[in-house]
N, C-alpha and C. Protein backbone atom coordinates (compact mmCIF):
# COMPACT_ATOMS: atom_id res chain seq x y z
N MET A 1 4.20 4.44 5.05
CA MET A 1 5.77 4.51 5.09
C MET A 1 6.04 2.89 4.68
N LEU A 2 4.93 1.53 4.27
CA LEU A 2 5.11 1.01 4.12
C LEU A 2 5.79 0.46 3.27
N ALA A 3 5.39 2.04 1.95
CA ALA A 3 5.46 1.91 0.30
C ALA A 3 7.32 1.43 -0.22
N PHE A 4 7.58 2.13 1.19
CA PHE A 4 9.77 2.46 0.56
C PHE A 4 9.95 1.13 1.45
N PHE A 5 9.65 0.55 1.39
CA PHE A 5 10.82 -0.96 2.50
C PHE A 5 10.40 -1.95 0.47
N PRO A 6 11.26 -2.44 0.42
CA PRO A 6 11.69 -2.96 -1.12
C PRO A 6 10.17 -4.12 -0.76
N ALA A 7 10.65 -3.93 -1.48
CA ALA A 7 8.85 -5.88 -1.92
C ALA A 7 9.18 -6.64 -1.75
N GLY A 8 8.73 -7.86 -0.80
CA GLY A 8 9.77 -9.33 -0.49
C GLY A 8 8.84 -9.48 1.11
N GLU A 9 9.60 -10.56 2.32
CA GLU A 9 8.83 -11.38 2.92
C GLU A 9 9.36 -9.50 4.10
N ARG A 10 9.99 -9.39 4.01
CA ARG A 10 9.71 -8.26 5.08
C ARG A 10 8.63 -7.26 5.53
N ARG A 11 8.37 -6.41 3.90
CA ARG A 11 7.57 -6.12 3.54
C ARG A 11 6.39 -6.72 3.90
N HIS A 12 6.29 -7.75 3.28
CA HIS A 12 4.46 -8.40 3.76
C HIS A 12 4.52 -8.73 4.96
N ARG A 13 5.63 -8.79 5.79
CA ARG A 13 4.89 -8.86 7.32
C ARG A 13 4.32 -7.84 8.16
N TRP A 14 5.82 -6.89 7.53
CA TRP A 14 4.72 -5.32 7.83
C TRP A 14 3.29 -5.29 7.82
N GLU A 15 3.47 -5.38 6.47
CA GLU A 15 1.49 -5.47 5.69
C GLU A 15 0.64 -5.51 7.08
N TRP A 16 0.64 -6.83 6.69
CA TRP A 16 0.08 -7.58 8.27
C TRP A 16 0.00 -7.43 9.18
N LEU A 17 1.14 -6.43 10.15
CA LEU A 17 1.03 -6.20 11.09
C LEU A 17 0.11 -5.30 11.04
N ALA A 18 -0.01 -4.28 10.19
CA ALA A 18 -0.56 -2.99 9.91
C ALA A 18 -2.10 -3.18 9.79
N VAL A 19 -2.76 -3.99 9.04
CA VAL A 19 -3.36 -4.62 8.84
C VAL A 19 -4.45 -5.39 10.47
N GLY A 20 -3.60 -6.17 11.06
CA GLY A 20 -3.87 -6.75 11.94
C GLY A 20 -4.04 -4.80 13.29
N PHE A 21 -2.90 -4.76 13.52
CA PHE A 21 -3.15 -2.68 13.63
C PHE A 21 -4.78 -2.10 13.84
N ALA A 22 -4.83 -2.20 12.17
CA ALA A 22 -5.71 -1.06 12.02
C ALA A 22 -7.10 -2.10 12.67
N PHE A 23 -7.40 -2.84 12.42
CA PHE A 23 -8.46 -4.22 13.19
C PHE A 23 -8.70 -4.49 14.32
N VAL A 24 -7.75 -4.12 15.34
CA VAL A 24 -7.83 -3.72 16.32
C VAL A 24 -7.62 -2.91 16.59
N MET A 25 -7.10 -1.08 16.33
CA MET A 25 -7.67 -0.20 15.93
C MET A 25 -9.80 0.25 16.49
N SER A 26 -10.08 -0.13 14.99
CA SER A 26 -11.52 -0.06 14.67
C SER A 26 -12.51 -0.50 16.12
N MET A 27 -12.13 -2.09 16.14
CA MET A 27 -13.05 -3.26 17.04
C MET A 27 -12.64 -2.30 18.45
N SER A 28 -11.53 -1.69 18.53
CA SER A 28 -12.08 -0.91 20.00
C SER A 28 -13.13 0.58 20.34
N ARG A 29 -12.70 0.61 19.10
CA ARG A 29 -13.62 1.79 18.62
C ARG A 29 -15.22 1.42 19.44
N VAL A 30 -15.69 0.43 18.37
CA VAL A 30 -17.08 0.09 18.12
C VAL A 30 -17.53 -0.77 20.21
N TYR A 31 -15.83 -0.61 20.30
CA TYR A 31 -16.25 -1.54 22.22
C TYR A 31 -16.95 -0.24 23.20
N LEU A 32 -15.61 0.72 22.78
CA LEU A 32 -15.78 1.49 23.78
C LEU A 32 -17.07 2.74 23.17
N ALA A 33 -17.85 1.73 22.44
CA ALA A 33 -18.63 3.20 22.17
C ALA A 33 -18.37 4.66 22.09
N ALA A 34 -17.70 4.37 20.81
CA ALA A 34 -16.58 6.09 20.23
C ALA A 34 -17.65 6.02 18.77
N HIS A 35 -18.02 4.85 18.54
CA HIS A 35 -18.41 4.66 16.70
C HIS A 35 -19.19 3.64 16.82
N TRP A 36 -19.88 3.86 15.77
CA TRP A 36 -21.04 3.07 15.63
C TRP A 36 -20.65 1.57 14.14
N PHE A 37 -20.86 0.83 15.18
CA PHE A 37 -20.67 -0.56 13.84
C PHE A 37 -20.19 0.00 11.96
N SER A 38 -21.62 0.11 11.70
CA SER A 38 -21.15 1.13 10.87
C SER A 38 -20.78 1.63 9.47
N ASP A 39 -20.27 2.79 10.72
CA ASP A 39 -19.34 3.87 11.10
C ASP A 39 -17.80 3.21 10.56
N VAL A 40 -17.55 2.45 11.08
CA VAL A 40 -16.44 1.44 10.92
C VAL A 40 -16.00 1.19 10.35
N VAL A 41 -17.42 0.61 10.25
CA VAL A 41 -16.80 -0.61 7.92
C VAL A 41 -16.35 0.79 6.89
N ALA A 42 -17.48 1.49 7.26
CA ALA A 42 -17.51 2.70 6.27
C ALA A 42 -16.43 3.75 6.59
N GLY A 43 -15.28 3.52 6.96
CA GLY A 43 -14.37 4.00 7.48
C GLY A 43 -13.28 3.24 6.65
N THR A 44 -13.34 1.89 6.97
CA THR A 44 -12.95 0.72 7.05
C THR A 44 -12.88 0.77 5.20
N LEU A 45 -14.07 0.43 4.67
CA LEU A 45 -13.77 0.92 2.85
C LEU A 45 -13.27 1.60 2.07
N LEU A 46 -13.44 2.85 2.55
CA LEU A 46 -13.50 4.59 2.28
C LEU A 46 -11.49 4.27 1.64
N GLY A 47 -11.38 4.16 3.17
CA GLY A 47 -10.28 4.16 3.61
C GLY A 47 -8.90 3.59 2.69
N ALA A 48 -9.99 1.92 2.42
CA ALA A 48 -8.82 1.13 2.02
C ALA A 48 -9.46 0.78 0.12
N GLY A 49 -10.39 1.68 -0.15
CA GLY A 49 -11.15 2.24 -2.08
C GLY A 49 -9.35 3.38 -1.97
N ILE A 50 -9.23 5.13 -0.90
CA ILE A 50 -8.36 5.20 -1.80
C ILE A 50 -7.07 5.21 -1.65
N ALA A 51 -6.73 4.33 -0.40
CA ALA A 51 -5.42 3.64 -1.12
C ALA A 51 -4.95 2.62 -1.97
N ILE A 52 -6.06 2.03 -2.05
CA ILE A 52 -5.54 1.18 -3.22
C ILE A 52 -5.59 2.45 -4.92
N PHE A 53 -6.57 2.72 -4.80
CA PHE A 53 -6.79 4.44 -5.20
C PHE A 53 -5.15 4.72 -6.18
N TRP A 54 -4.81 5.65 -4.58
CA TRP A 54 -3.40 5.96 -5.61
C TRP A 54 -2.88 5.27 -5.93
N ALA A 55 -2.37 4.18 -5.12
CA ALA A 55 -0.98 2.74 -4.99
C ALA A 55 -1.32 2.48 -6.57
N ALA A 56 -2.33 2.04 -7.48
CA ALA A 56 -2.77 1.92 -8.53
C ALA A 56 -1.90 3.59 -9.24
N ALA A 57 -3.21 4.22 -8.93
CA ALA A 57 -1.95 5.87 -9.80
C ALA A 57 -0.67 5.88 -10.03
N VAL A 58 0.26 5.51 -8.99
CA VAL A 58 1.23 6.51 -8.35
C VAL A 58 2.15 5.23 -8.96
N THR A 59 1.66 4.31 -9.75
CA THR A 59 2.41 2.89 -10.21
C THR A 59 2.23 3.24 -12.11
N GLU A 60 0.73 3.67 -11.87
CA GLU A 60 0.38 4.14 -13.71
C GLU A 60 1.20 4.89 -14.06
N CYS A 61 1.81 6.20 -13.59
CA CYS A 61 1.84 8.05 -13.86
C CYS A 61 3.86 7.73 -13.66
N ARG A 62 3.75 5.93 -12.60
CA ARG A 62 5.52 5.51 -13.17
C ARG A 62 5.75 5.15 -14.75
N ASP A 63 4.92 4.00 -14.45
CA ASP A 63 4.86 3.37 -16.06
C ASP A 63 5.03 4.04 -16.58
N VAL A 64 3.90 5.11 -17.21
CA VAL A 64 3.85 6.45 -17.74
C VAL A 64 5.21 7.48 -18.00
N ILE A 65 5.47 6.99 -16.83
CA ILE A 65 7.49 7.94 -16.84
C ILE A 65 8.53 6.79 -17.78
N PHE A 66 8.31 5.80 -17.20
CA PHE A 66 9.52 4.85 -17.87
C PHE A 66 8.87 4.26 -19.49
N ARG A 67 8.24 3.68 -19.66
CA ARG A 67 7.93 4.69 -21.83
C ARG A 67 7.86 5.16 -21.76
N ALA A 68 8.16 6.48 -21.65
CA ALA A 68 8.44 7.90 -22.57
C ALA A 68 9.68 7.70 -22.82
N ARG A 69 10.40 7.21 -21.85
CA ARG A 69 11.67 7.59 -21.12
C ARG A 69 12.72 6.09 -22.80
N GLY A 70 11.31 5.54 -22.73
CA GLY A 70 11.99 4.19 -23.19
C GLY A 70 12.70 3.59 -22.09
N GLU A 71 12.79 2.92 -21.07
CA GLU A 71 13.71 2.03 -19.76
C GLU A 71 12.57 1.27 -19.66
N PRO A 72 13.08 -0.01 -19.40
CA PRO A 72 11.92 -1.32 -19.04
C PRO A 72 11.27 -1.05 -17.86
N ILE A 73 10.03 -1.25 -16.53
CA ILE A 73 9.54 -1.06 -16.42
C ILE A 73 9.51 -2.08 -15.45
N PRO A 74 10.66 -1.34 -14.27
CA PRO A 74 10.83 -2.31 -13.22
C PRO A 74 9.36 -3.85 -12.30
N ARG A 75 10.48 -5.12 -12.61
CA ARG A 75 9.48 -5.45 -11.46
C ARG A 75 9.23 -5.74 -10.16
N GLU A 76 7.88 -5.06 -9.77
CA GLU A 76 7.99 -5.95 -7.93
C GLU A 76 8.05 -7.13 -7.66
N ASP A 77 8.06 -8.28 -8.64
CA ASP A 77 9.05 -9.91 -7.57
C ASP A 77 9.53 -9.35 -8.09
N ALA A 78 11.20 -8.70 -8.17
CA ALA A 78 12.15 -9.59 -8.82
C ALA A 78 13.02 -8.54 -7.82
N PRO A 79 13.04 -8.35 -6.66
CA PRO A 79 13.87 -7.23 -5.83
C PRO A 79 14.96 -7.19 -6.03
N ASP A 80 15.67 -8.74 -6.66
CA ASP A 80 17.57 -8.33 -6.36
C ASP A 80 17.78 -8.35 -8.49
N ALA A 81 17.08 -7.73 -8.65
CA ALA A 81 17.26 -6.71 -10.41
C ALA A 81 17.91 -6.35 -9.66
N PRO A 82 19.38 -6.43 -11.14
CA PRO A 82 19.86 -4.80 -10.74
C PRO A 82 19.78 -3.50 -11.08
N VAL A 83 19.99 -2.81 -10.53
CA VAL A 83 19.76 -0.90 -10.78
C VAL A 83 20.42 -0.06 -11.81
N GLN A 84 19.94 0.33 -12.77
CA GLN A 84 20.49 1.63 -13.31
C GLN A 84 20.90 2.35 -13.03
N ALA A 85 22.17 2.59 -12.73
CA ALA A 85 22.95 3.70 -12.14
C ALA A 85 22.81 4.69 -13.86
N GLY A 86 22.82 6.29 -13.33
CA GLY A 86 23.23 6.99 -13.41
C GLY A 86 21.42 7.81 -14.37
N LYS A 87 20.39 7.13 -14.35
CA LYS A 87 19.77 6.88 -15.70
C LYS A 87 18.15 7.31 -14.96
């Protein structure tokens, strides 16, 4: 869901909130003896790895499409950049 937020300070705050929530949830699983700590760490690493892989794959696919069309690749650090209509 956070992927639909435009880059910027607001998205950054929500990302940190999500990380904090995930940390508290995972530690509650260990505290309640529902999972071993090693299971929580392994799940966190697996989940983070999958998320990073898909983010990189989607970004690369987007860049390939823009290159094939001959359009400039949009920069994430420029949220106020004008959007070209009709393309």
